[in-house]
Every structure is written in structure tokens, then in C-alpha cells.
Amino acid sequence: MRFTRSILVIAAIASVGAGADTARPSPPFTIERPGAPPLELSQYRGKVVALAFIYTTCSHCQQLTVELNQIAPDYTGRGVQFLECAFNDDAVSTMPEFLKRFSPAFPVGYSTMVAVRSYLQYSSVDRRPLYVPHLVFLDRTGVIRADYPGEDPFFQNANANIRAQLDKMLKVAAPKKSAATK
């Protein structure tokens, strides 16, 4: 019995961070913005992207916005793009107050729960809760290199962990441009 319980505990711990280093191509994704053109993730190819999926009314998400605001000045000039996408049901109506209160130094917009669940590979029949904030890191080629759901221990020391993830991703050389794309 003790052996079985240990295996279950180890499996549970492993599954929490299991998505941390799962490489997969980023599917197309659009972030709508109030009073501004929508953003396509593909427009940031060539940059490392830190994409946070949030609820505008969630205190943990608001804290992540504060953390990202502190981190962004140190990384935007180094080829990192920060983005936030709210997907709570009332995101459109709560977005103006959220933007006013937190003044994010990076683009923030919204999408639907269905689009976000699809992007994060939660199927329509999947009943797992989608905890927020949910932070995804894309490399310069548009590949998801790290995926941290809201319940992940990654968020217990978010500032240091985000910086470490970005530093690790920035060490990877940018892809060479071919003669056709120069």
C-alpha cells in the first residue's frame, strides 16, 4: 500500500509540471483588443513570447500582471514580447477598468473560453478545470516551449521563474534568415 501511495504522489507531482517543457507548434491564435486591431501570435515570430491567459477579475492574474510589468522593461529590448489574453465571460466589460488600474506595459486583449481551451489543448469534452493565470512561452520560431497552468508551483516565485525561463529561451540562437527572407 505504501509503495502504491508513493507512486501516486510522484505521478501527481510530475503531472503538475508536466507541461513545463512540452514542445509543440503554437496553433494560430487571435487576441481581440478594445479600440485597437486584433493581434495574431504569428506576428511575433522572431521574438520570444510570454503569453498569459488571465481573468481580469482574478487577484492571482492581477498579481501576475504586476509581476510582468516589473519584468517587461528588462526584456522587451532583448527580443521578448509580453501579451495577456483575458477570457472571463465579462472580459470585454471589465477590460477598461483592468487596463486603467494596472497600466500594462504590453498588449492586453481578450478571447473566448472556447478559443483559449482549444489553444491550450483542452478538448470540448475535457472536464479538467482551466486554472488561471496560465502562462505559455513561445520560442522565436513559434513553438510552445513551456506551459504553466495556474496551479503549477512555478507561480509561487513567479518573478524569478519567469526571468529564468526567459533567460533560458534567449540563450537559444535566433534562427538564421534565408536569402529569400532578407
N, C-alpha and C. Protein backbone atom coordinates (compact mmCIF):
# COMPACT_ATOMS: atom_id res chain seq x y z
N MET A 1 0.82 -1.19 0.00
CA MET A 1 0.00 0.00 0.00
C MET A 1 0.87 1.26 0.00
N ARG A 2 1.92 1.28 0.84
CA ARG A 2 2.79 2.44 0.92
C ARG A 2 3.45 2.71 -0.44
N PHE A 3 3.90 1.65 -1.14
CA PHE A 3 4.53 1.79 -2.45
C PHE A 3 3.55 2.41 -3.45
N THR A 4 2.31 1.93 -3.47
CA THR A 4 1.30 2.45 -4.40
C THR A 4 1.03 3.93 -4.12
N ARG A 5 0.90 4.28 -2.85
CA ARG A 5 0.65 5.67 -2.49
C ARG A 5 1.81 6.56 -2.93
N SER A 6 3.05 6.10 -2.77
CA SER A 6 4.22 6.86 -3.20
C SER A 6 4.21 7.08 -4.70
N ILE A 7 3.85 6.05 -5.44
CA ILE A 7 3.78 6.18 -6.90
C ILE A 7 2.72 7.22 -7.27
N LEU A 8 1.58 7.20 -6.61
CA LEU A 8 0.53 8.17 -6.92
C LEU A 8 0.97 9.60 -6.61
N VAL A 9 1.66 9.78 -5.50
CA VAL A 9 2.15 11.11 -5.13
C VAL A 9 3.17 11.59 -6.16
N ILE A 10 4.09 10.72 -6.54
CA ILE A 10 5.10 11.09 -7.54
C ILE A 10 4.42 11.42 -8.86
N ALA A 11 3.44 10.63 -9.28
CA ALA A 11 2.72 10.89 -10.53
C ALA A 11 1.98 12.21 -10.46
N ALA A 12 1.37 12.51 -9.33
CA ALA A 12 0.65 13.78 -9.19
C ALA A 12 1.61 14.96 -9.26
N ILE A 13 2.75 14.85 -8.61
CA ILE A 13 3.73 15.93 -8.65
C ILE A 13 4.26 16.10 -10.07
N ALA A 14 4.56 15.01 -10.74
CA ALA A 14 5.08 15.08 -12.10
C ALA A 14 4.07 15.69 -13.05
N SER A 15 2.78 15.39 -12.86
CA SER A 15 1.78 15.90 -13.79
C SER A 15 1.58 17.40 -13.65
N VAL A 16 1.82 17.95 -12.46
CA VAL A 16 1.66 19.38 -12.27
C VAL A 16 2.60 20.15 -13.18
N GLY A 17 3.86 19.75 -13.26
CA GLY A 17 4.82 20.45 -14.09
C GLY A 17 5.05 19.77 -15.44
N ALA A 18 4.22 18.79 -15.76
CA ALA A 18 4.45 18.01 -16.97
C ALA A 18 4.46 18.86 -18.23
N GLY A 19 3.67 19.91 -18.26
CA GLY A 19 3.62 20.73 -19.46
C GLY A 19 4.72 21.76 -19.52
N ALA A 20 5.59 21.78 -18.53
CA ALA A 20 6.59 22.83 -18.45
C ALA A 20 7.54 22.85 -19.64
N ASP A 21 7.92 21.69 -20.15
CA ASP A 21 8.88 21.66 -21.25
C ASP A 21 8.37 20.85 -22.44
N THR A 22 7.08 20.93 -22.69
CA THR A 22 6.50 20.18 -23.79
C THR A 22 6.53 21.05 -25.04
N ALA A 23 7.37 20.68 -25.99
CA ALA A 23 7.48 21.46 -27.23
C ALA A 23 6.38 21.04 -28.20
N ARG A 24 5.67 22.04 -28.70
CA ARG A 24 4.66 21.80 -29.73
C ARG A 24 4.44 23.10 -30.49
N PRO A 25 4.16 23.02 -31.78
CA PRO A 25 3.92 24.24 -32.54
C PRO A 25 2.72 25.00 -31.97
N SER A 26 2.85 26.29 -31.91
CA SER A 26 1.74 27.12 -31.46
C SER A 26 0.69 27.17 -32.55
N PRO A 27 -0.55 26.83 -32.23
CA PRO A 27 -1.59 26.99 -33.25
C PRO A 27 -1.86 28.48 -33.47
N PRO A 28 -2.50 28.82 -34.57
CA PRO A 28 -2.88 30.23 -34.77
C PRO A 28 -3.77 30.69 -33.61
N PHE A 29 -3.59 31.92 -33.22
CA PHE A 29 -4.43 32.46 -32.13
C PHE A 29 -4.55 33.96 -32.31
N THR A 30 -5.76 34.46 -32.10
CA THR A 30 -6.05 35.89 -32.23
C THR A 30 -6.49 36.45 -30.89
N ILE A 31 -5.94 37.59 -30.54
CA ILE A 31 -6.33 38.32 -29.32
C ILE A 31 -7.03 39.59 -29.77
N GLU A 32 -8.29 39.73 -29.41
CA GLU A 32 -9.06 40.94 -29.72
C GLU A 32 -8.67 42.02 -28.72
N ARG A 33 -8.74 43.28 -29.16
CA ARG A 33 -8.41 44.39 -28.26
C ARG A 33 -9.45 45.48 -28.40
N PRO A 34 -9.84 46.08 -27.29
CA PRO A 34 -10.82 47.17 -27.37
C PRO A 34 -10.21 48.40 -28.05
N GLY A 35 -10.83 48.83 -29.12
CA GLY A 35 -10.39 50.05 -29.80
C GLY A 35 -9.07 49.93 -30.53
N ALA A 36 -8.62 48.71 -30.81
CA ALA A 36 -7.34 48.52 -31.50
C ALA A 36 -7.45 47.27 -32.38
N PRO A 37 -6.58 47.18 -33.37
CA PRO A 37 -6.61 45.98 -34.22
C PRO A 37 -6.30 44.72 -33.43
N PRO A 38 -6.86 43.59 -33.84
CA PRO A 38 -6.53 42.33 -33.16
C PRO A 38 -5.07 41.97 -33.36
N LEU A 39 -4.57 41.16 -32.45
CA LEU A 39 -3.19 40.67 -32.53
C LEU A 39 -3.20 39.21 -32.93
N GLU A 40 -2.32 38.84 -33.84
CA GLU A 40 -2.12 37.45 -34.22
C GLU A 40 -0.79 37.01 -33.62
N LEU A 41 -0.76 35.87 -32.96
CA LEU A 41 0.51 35.39 -32.38
C LEU A 41 1.59 35.29 -33.44
N SER A 42 1.21 34.94 -34.64
CA SER A 42 2.20 34.77 -35.71
C SER A 42 2.96 36.06 -36.02
N GLN A 43 2.40 37.21 -35.68
CA GLN A 43 3.10 38.47 -35.97
C GLN A 43 4.33 38.66 -35.08
N TYR A 44 4.48 37.81 -34.07
CA TYR A 44 5.62 37.93 -33.16
C TYR A 44 6.70 36.89 -33.43
N ARG A 45 6.63 36.22 -34.56
CA ARG A 45 7.70 35.27 -34.92
C ARG A 45 9.00 36.04 -34.95
N GLY A 46 10.04 35.42 -34.45
CA GLY A 46 11.33 36.09 -34.35
C GLY A 46 11.58 36.62 -32.94
N LYS A 47 10.52 36.64 -32.12
CA LYS A 47 10.65 37.06 -30.72
C LYS A 47 10.27 35.90 -29.81
N VAL A 48 10.78 35.93 -28.60
CA VAL A 48 10.30 35.04 -27.56
C VAL A 48 9.02 35.68 -27.02
N VAL A 49 7.98 34.89 -26.85
CA VAL A 49 6.69 35.41 -26.40
C VAL A 49 6.31 34.79 -25.06
N ALA A 50 5.93 35.64 -24.12
CA ALA A 50 5.35 35.22 -22.85
C ALA A 50 3.87 35.60 -22.92
N LEU A 51 3.02 34.61 -23.04
CA LEU A 51 1.58 34.81 -23.22
C LEU A 51 0.84 34.32 -21.98
N ALA A 52 0.19 35.26 -21.29
CA ALA A 52 -0.56 34.91 -20.09
C ALA A 52 -2.05 34.92 -20.40
N PHE A 53 -2.71 33.83 -20.06
CA PHE A 53 -4.17 33.75 -20.15
C PHE A 53 -4.69 34.06 -18.75
N ILE A 54 -5.57 35.03 -18.67
CA ILE A 54 -5.99 35.56 -17.37
C ILE A 54 -7.50 35.79 -17.32
N TYR A 55 -7.98 36.04 -16.11
CA TYR A 55 -9.29 36.63 -15.87
C TYR A 55 -9.00 38.04 -15.35
N THR A 56 -9.66 39.03 -15.88
CA THR A 56 -9.42 40.40 -15.42
C THR A 56 -9.81 40.59 -13.96
N THR A 57 -10.70 39.75 -13.44
CA THR A 57 -11.21 39.88 -12.08
C THR A 57 -10.51 38.97 -11.08
N CYS A 58 -9.52 38.21 -11.52
CA CYS A 58 -8.81 37.25 -10.66
C CYS A 58 -7.63 37.94 -9.97
N SER A 59 -7.57 37.84 -8.66
CA SER A 59 -6.48 38.50 -7.92
C SER A 59 -5.11 37.90 -8.28
N HIS A 60 -5.04 36.60 -8.52
CA HIS A 60 -3.76 35.98 -8.91
C HIS A 60 -3.32 36.47 -10.29
N CYS A 61 -4.28 36.64 -11.18
CA CYS A 61 -3.98 37.15 -12.52
C CYS A 61 -3.53 38.61 -12.46
N GLN A 62 -4.19 39.37 -11.61
CA GLN A 62 -3.81 40.76 -11.44
C GLN A 62 -2.39 40.86 -10.88
N GLN A 63 -2.06 39.96 -9.96
CA GLN A 63 -0.69 39.94 -9.41
C GLN A 63 0.32 39.58 -10.49
N LEU A 64 -0.05 38.65 -11.38
CA LEU A 64 0.85 38.30 -12.48
C LEU A 64 1.06 39.51 -13.39
N THR A 65 0.02 40.29 -13.63
CA THR A 65 0.16 41.50 -14.44
C THR A 65 1.15 42.45 -13.81
N VAL A 66 1.08 42.61 -12.49
CA VAL A 66 2.04 43.45 -11.77
C VAL A 66 3.45 42.90 -11.96
N GLU A 67 3.61 41.59 -11.81
CA GLU A 67 4.93 40.96 -11.99
C GLU A 67 5.44 41.18 -13.41
N LEU A 68 4.60 40.96 -14.41
CA LEU A 68 5.03 41.13 -15.80
C LEU A 68 5.39 42.58 -16.09
N ASN A 69 4.67 43.51 -15.46
CA ASN A 69 5.01 44.94 -15.62
C ASN A 69 6.40 45.23 -15.06
N GLN A 70 6.79 44.54 -14.01
CA GLN A 70 8.12 44.74 -13.42
C GLN A 70 9.20 44.10 -14.28
N ILE A 71 8.88 42.98 -14.91
CA ILE A 71 9.85 42.22 -15.69
C ILE A 71 10.02 42.79 -17.10
N ALA A 72 8.94 43.25 -17.71
CA ALA A 72 8.94 43.66 -19.12
C ALA A 72 10.05 44.65 -19.48
N PRO A 73 10.31 45.70 -18.71
CA PRO A 73 11.37 46.64 -19.11
C PRO A 73 12.74 46.00 -19.27
N ASP A 74 13.00 44.91 -18.55
CA ASP A 74 14.30 44.25 -18.62
C ASP A 74 14.42 43.32 -19.84
N TYR A 75 13.30 43.03 -20.50
CA TYR A 75 13.34 42.02 -21.56
C TYR A 75 12.82 42.48 -22.92
N THR A 76 12.00 43.50 -22.97
CA THR A 76 11.42 43.88 -24.26
C THR A 76 12.50 44.30 -25.26
N GLY A 77 13.55 44.94 -24.81
CA GLY A 77 14.63 45.34 -25.70
C GLY A 77 15.53 44.18 -26.11
N ARG A 78 15.30 43.03 -25.51
CA ARG A 78 16.11 41.84 -25.81
C ARG A 78 15.36 40.84 -26.70
N GLY A 79 14.24 41.28 -27.27
CA GLY A 79 13.52 40.41 -28.18
C GLY A 79 12.43 39.57 -27.55
N VAL A 80 11.86 40.05 -26.44
CA VAL A 80 10.77 39.35 -25.78
C VAL A 80 9.50 40.18 -25.92
N GLN A 81 8.40 39.52 -26.24
CA GLN A 81 7.09 40.18 -26.32
C GLN A 81 6.20 39.58 -25.24
N PHE A 82 5.66 40.42 -24.39
CA PHE A 82 4.70 40.00 -23.37
C PHE A 82 3.30 40.29 -23.89
N LEU A 83 2.37 39.37 -23.63
CA LEU A 83 0.98 39.52 -24.03
C LEU A 83 0.10 38.94 -22.93
N GLU A 84 -1.09 39.51 -22.78
CA GLU A 84 -2.09 38.92 -21.90
C GLU A 84 -3.39 38.81 -22.66
N CYS A 85 -4.09 37.71 -22.41
CA CYS A 85 -5.38 37.47 -23.04
C CYS A 85 -6.38 37.07 -21.96
N ALA A 86 -7.35 37.93 -21.72
CA ALA A 86 -8.41 37.63 -20.76
C ALA A 86 -9.48 36.79 -21.46
N PHE A 87 -10.06 35.86 -20.72
CA PHE A 87 -11.11 35.05 -21.31
C PHE A 87 -12.27 34.79 -20.35
N ASN A 88 -12.37 35.61 -19.31
CA ASN A 88 -13.54 35.51 -18.44
C ASN A 88 -14.76 36.03 -19.22
N ASP A 89 -15.95 35.56 -18.84
CA ASP A 89 -17.17 35.91 -19.58
C ASP A 89 -17.39 37.41 -19.70
N ASP A 90 -16.98 38.16 -18.70
CA ASP A 90 -17.21 39.61 -18.72
C ASP A 90 -15.94 40.40 -19.06
N ALA A 91 -15.00 39.76 -19.74
CA ALA A 91 -13.72 40.41 -20.06
C ALA A 91 -13.90 41.70 -20.84
N VAL A 92 -14.80 41.72 -21.79
CA VAL A 92 -14.99 42.92 -22.61
C VAL A 92 -15.42 44.09 -21.73
N SER A 93 -16.32 43.85 -20.80
CA SER A 93 -16.81 44.96 -19.96
C SER A 93 -15.85 45.31 -18.82
N THR A 94 -15.04 44.36 -18.36
CA THR A 94 -14.12 44.65 -17.26
C THR A 94 -12.73 45.09 -17.74
N MET A 95 -12.48 44.94 -19.04
CA MET A 95 -11.15 45.28 -19.59
C MET A 95 -10.78 46.75 -19.37
N PRO A 96 -11.66 47.73 -19.63
CA PRO A 96 -11.24 49.13 -19.44
C PRO A 96 -10.75 49.43 -18.02
N GLU A 97 -11.46 48.94 -17.01
CA GLU A 97 -11.05 49.18 -15.63
C GLU A 97 -9.73 48.46 -15.32
N PHE A 98 -9.59 47.23 -15.82
CA PHE A 98 -8.37 46.47 -15.64
C PHE A 98 -7.18 47.23 -16.23
N LEU A 99 -7.32 47.71 -17.46
CA LEU A 99 -6.24 48.44 -18.12
C LEU A 99 -5.90 49.73 -17.38
N LYS A 100 -6.93 50.42 -16.91
CA LYS A 100 -6.72 51.67 -16.16
C LYS A 100 -5.99 51.40 -14.83
N ARG A 101 -6.42 50.36 -14.15
CA ARG A 101 -5.86 50.06 -12.83
C ARG A 101 -4.42 49.54 -12.89
N PHE A 102 -4.10 48.68 -13.89
CA PHE A 102 -2.80 48.03 -13.91
C PHE A 102 -1.84 48.59 -14.96
N SER A 103 -2.32 49.40 -15.87
CA SER A 103 -1.48 50.03 -16.90
C SER A 103 -0.41 49.09 -17.45
N PRO A 104 -0.80 47.96 -18.01
CA PRO A 104 0.21 47.03 -18.51
C PRO A 104 1.09 47.67 -19.57
N ALA A 105 2.37 47.33 -19.53
CA ALA A 105 3.36 47.88 -20.46
C ALA A 105 3.46 47.03 -21.72
N PHE A 106 2.43 46.25 -21.99
CA PHE A 106 2.40 45.31 -23.12
C PHE A 106 0.94 45.16 -23.54
N PRO A 107 0.70 44.63 -24.73
CA PRO A 107 -0.68 44.48 -25.20
C PRO A 107 -1.49 43.49 -24.36
N VAL A 108 -2.72 43.88 -24.09
CA VAL A 108 -3.68 43.04 -23.37
C VAL A 108 -4.98 43.05 -24.16
N GLY A 109 -5.56 41.89 -24.31
CA GLY A 109 -6.83 41.79 -25.02
C GLY A 109 -7.65 40.65 -24.46
N TYR A 110 -8.53 40.14 -25.29
CA TYR A 110 -9.44 39.10 -24.82
C TYR A 110 -9.76 38.12 -25.94
N SER A 111 -10.28 36.98 -25.53
CA SER A 111 -10.75 35.97 -26.45
C SER A 111 -11.84 35.19 -25.73
N THR A 112 -12.35 34.17 -26.37
CA THR A 112 -13.40 33.36 -25.76
C THR A 112 -12.80 32.18 -25.01
N MET A 113 -13.58 31.67 -24.09
CA MET A 113 -13.17 30.47 -23.34
C MET A 113 -12.92 29.32 -24.31
N VAL A 114 -13.78 29.16 -25.31
CA VAL A 114 -13.63 28.07 -26.28
C VAL A 114 -12.30 28.20 -27.02
N ALA A 115 -11.96 29.39 -27.48
CA ALA A 115 -10.72 29.59 -28.23
C ALA A 115 -9.50 29.33 -27.34
N VAL A 116 -9.54 29.78 -26.10
CA VAL A 116 -8.41 29.59 -25.19
C VAL A 116 -8.25 28.11 -24.85
N ARG A 117 -9.35 27.43 -24.53
CA ARG A 117 -9.28 25.99 -24.22
C ARG A 117 -8.72 25.22 -25.41
N SER A 118 -9.12 25.61 -26.61
CA SER A 118 -8.62 24.95 -27.81
C SER A 118 -7.11 25.19 -27.96
N TYR A 119 -6.69 26.44 -27.79
CA TYR A 119 -5.27 26.78 -27.91
C TYR A 119 -4.43 25.98 -26.91
N LEU A 120 -4.94 25.83 -25.70
CA LEU A 120 -4.21 25.13 -24.64
C LEU A 120 -4.41 23.62 -24.69
N GLN A 121 -5.07 23.15 -25.73
CA GLN A 121 -5.31 21.73 -25.97
C GLN A 121 -6.21 21.08 -24.92
N TYR A 122 -7.21 21.79 -24.48
CA TYR A 122 -8.28 21.22 -23.67
C TYR A 122 -9.40 20.91 -24.65
N SER A 123 -9.77 19.66 -24.79
CA SER A 123 -10.81 19.31 -25.75
C SER A 123 -12.18 19.76 -25.23
N SER A 124 -13.16 19.75 -26.12
CA SER A 124 -14.51 20.18 -25.73
C SER A 124 -15.14 19.23 -24.72
N VAL A 125 -14.66 17.99 -24.64
CA VAL A 125 -15.19 17.04 -23.66
C VAL A 125 -14.32 16.95 -22.41
N ASP A 126 -13.21 17.63 -22.42
CA ASP A 126 -12.29 17.63 -21.29
C ASP A 126 -12.92 18.40 -20.14
N ARG A 127 -13.01 17.79 -19.01
CA ARG A 127 -13.64 18.43 -17.84
C ARG A 127 -12.62 18.96 -16.83
N ARG A 128 -11.32 18.90 -17.20
CA ARG A 128 -10.31 19.44 -16.29
C ARG A 128 -10.55 20.93 -16.11
N PRO A 129 -10.40 21.44 -14.91
CA PRO A 129 -10.51 22.89 -14.74
C PRO A 129 -9.33 23.60 -15.40
N LEU A 130 -9.57 24.77 -15.90
CA LEU A 130 -8.51 25.58 -16.50
C LEU A 130 -8.20 26.68 -15.50
N TYR A 131 -7.18 26.45 -14.69
CA TYR A 131 -6.82 27.41 -13.66
C TYR A 131 -6.06 28.60 -14.25
N VAL A 132 -6.31 29.76 -13.69
CA VAL A 132 -5.64 30.97 -14.13
C VAL A 132 -4.84 31.55 -12.97
N PRO A 133 -3.79 32.31 -13.30
CA PRO A 133 -3.30 32.57 -14.65
C PRO A 133 -2.68 31.32 -15.25
N HIS A 134 -2.58 31.32 -16.56
CA HIS A 134 -1.97 30.22 -17.31
C HIS A 134 -0.94 30.88 -18.22
N LEU A 135 0.32 30.51 -18.08
CA LEU A 135 1.40 31.19 -18.78
C LEU A 135 2.08 30.25 -19.77
N VAL A 136 2.19 30.71 -21.01
CA VAL A 136 2.78 29.93 -22.09
C VAL A 136 3.96 30.73 -22.65
N PHE A 137 5.06 30.04 -22.93
CA PHE A 137 6.24 30.67 -23.53
C PHE A 137 6.46 30.08 -24.91
N LEU A 138 6.58 30.95 -25.92
CA LEU A 138 6.85 30.53 -27.29
C LEU A 138 8.26 30.96 -27.66
N ASP A 139 8.97 30.09 -28.38
CA ASP A 139 10.30 30.47 -28.84
C ASP A 139 10.19 31.35 -30.09
N ARG A 140 11.32 31.73 -30.62
CA ARG A 140 11.34 32.66 -31.76
C ARG A 140 10.73 32.08 -33.03
N THR A 141 10.58 30.76 -33.09
CA THR A 141 10.01 30.13 -34.27
C THR A 141 8.52 29.84 -34.12
N GLY A 142 7.95 30.21 -32.98
CA GLY A 142 6.52 29.98 -32.76
C GLY A 142 6.20 28.62 -32.16
N VAL A 143 7.17 28.02 -31.51
CA VAL A 143 6.96 26.73 -30.85
C VAL A 143 6.75 26.98 -29.36
N ILE A 144 5.72 26.37 -28.80
CA ILE A 144 5.47 26.47 -27.36
C ILE A 144 6.54 25.63 -26.66
N ARG A 145 7.35 26.28 -25.84
CA ARG A 145 8.44 25.60 -25.14
C ARG A 145 8.14 25.36 -23.67
N ALA A 146 7.21 26.11 -23.11
CA ALA A 146 6.85 25.93 -21.71
C ALA A 146 5.40 26.35 -21.53
N ASP A 147 4.72 25.63 -20.66
CA ASP A 147 3.28 25.83 -20.45
C ASP A 147 2.99 25.59 -18.97
N TYR A 148 2.62 26.66 -18.27
CA TYR A 148 2.41 26.58 -16.84
C TYR A 148 0.97 26.92 -16.48
N PRO A 149 0.17 25.90 -16.11
CA PRO A 149 -1.19 26.16 -15.66
C PRO A 149 -1.17 26.82 -14.28
N GLY A 150 -2.25 27.47 -13.94
CA GLY A 150 -2.32 28.27 -12.72
C GLY A 150 -2.00 27.55 -11.44
N GLU A 151 -2.21 26.24 -11.39
CA GLU A 151 -1.93 25.50 -10.16
C GLU A 151 -0.47 25.06 -10.05
N ASP A 152 0.33 25.38 -11.05
CA ASP A 152 1.73 24.95 -11.07
C ASP A 152 2.56 25.70 -10.01
N PRO A 153 3.47 25.03 -9.33
CA PRO A 153 4.34 25.69 -8.36
C PRO A 153 5.20 26.80 -8.97
N PHE A 154 5.30 26.83 -10.28
CA PHE A 154 6.01 27.90 -11.00
C PHE A 154 5.60 29.28 -10.50
N PHE A 155 4.32 29.45 -10.16
CA PHE A 155 3.79 30.76 -9.78
C PHE A 155 4.10 31.13 -8.33
N GLN A 156 4.64 30.22 -7.55
CA GLN A 156 4.98 30.54 -6.17
C GLN A 156 6.14 31.51 -6.08
N ASN A 157 6.97 31.54 -7.09
CA ASN A 157 8.05 32.52 -7.18
C ASN A 157 8.08 33.01 -8.63
N ALA A 158 6.96 33.60 -9.04
CA ALA A 158 6.73 33.94 -10.45
C ALA A 158 7.83 34.82 -11.04
N ASN A 159 8.21 35.86 -10.36
CA ASN A 159 9.18 36.79 -10.91
C ASN A 159 10.48 36.08 -11.28
N ALA A 160 11.05 35.36 -10.34
CA ALA A 160 12.32 34.66 -10.58
C ALA A 160 12.14 33.56 -11.62
N ASN A 161 11.04 32.83 -11.57
CA ASN A 161 10.83 31.74 -12.51
C ASN A 161 10.59 32.23 -13.94
N ILE A 162 9.87 33.32 -14.08
CA ILE A 162 9.66 33.90 -15.42
C ILE A 162 10.99 34.37 -15.99
N ARG A 163 11.75 35.08 -15.18
CA ARG A 163 13.07 35.55 -15.64
C ARG A 163 13.97 34.38 -16.04
N ALA A 164 13.97 33.32 -15.25
CA ALA A 164 14.80 32.15 -15.56
C ALA A 164 14.35 31.50 -16.87
N GLN A 165 13.05 31.40 -17.07
CA GLN A 165 12.53 30.81 -18.31
C GLN A 165 12.92 31.68 -19.51
N LEU A 166 12.76 32.99 -19.38
CA LEU A 166 13.12 33.89 -20.48
C LEU A 166 14.62 33.85 -20.76
N ASP A 167 15.43 33.86 -19.72
CA ASP A 167 16.89 33.80 -19.91
C ASP A 167 17.28 32.52 -20.64
N LYS A 168 16.68 31.40 -20.24
CA LYS A 168 16.95 30.12 -20.89
C LYS A 168 16.57 30.18 -22.38
N MET A 169 15.43 30.76 -22.68
CA MET A 169 14.97 30.81 -24.07
C MET A 169 15.79 31.79 -24.90
N LEU A 170 16.25 32.87 -24.29
CA LEU A 170 17.05 33.85 -25.02
C LEU A 170 18.45 33.33 -25.34
N LYS A 171 18.91 32.33 -24.62
CA LYS A 171 20.23 31.75 -24.91
C LYS A 171 20.24 30.97 -26.21
N VAL A 172 19.08 30.54 -26.65
CA VAL A 172 18.98 29.79 -27.91
C VAL A 172 19.10 30.80 -29.04
N ALA A 173 20.01 30.56 -29.94
CA ALA A 173 20.26 31.50 -31.05
C ALA A 173 19.01 31.69 -31.89
N ALA A 174 18.83 32.90 -32.36
CA ALA A 174 17.72 33.20 -33.27
C ALA A 174 17.95 32.46 -34.57
N PRO A 175 16.88 32.01 -35.21
CA PRO A 175 17.06 31.31 -36.49
C PRO A 175 17.66 32.24 -37.54
N LYS A 176 18.52 31.69 -38.37
CA LYS A 176 19.13 32.46 -39.46
C LYS A 176 18.09 32.74 -40.52
N LYS A 177 18.11 33.95 -41.05
CA LYS A 177 17.21 34.29 -42.15
C LYS A 177 17.81 33.81 -43.46
N SER A 178 16.95 33.22 -44.25
CA SER A 178 17.43 32.75 -45.55
C SER A 178 17.54 33.92 -46.50
N ALA A 179 18.22 33.74 -47.59
CA ALA A 179 18.41 34.81 -48.59
C ALA A 179 17.06 35.30 -49.11
N ALA A 180 16.06 34.40 -49.15
CA ALA A 180 14.74 34.77 -49.66
C ALA A 180 13.98 35.68 -48.69
N THR A 181 14.29 35.63 -47.38
CA THR A 181 13.56 36.43 -46.41
C THR A 181 14.30 37.68 -45.98
N LYS A 182 15.49 37.92 -46.49
CA LYS A 182 16.26 39.11 -46.09
C LYS A 182 15.74 40.36 -46.76
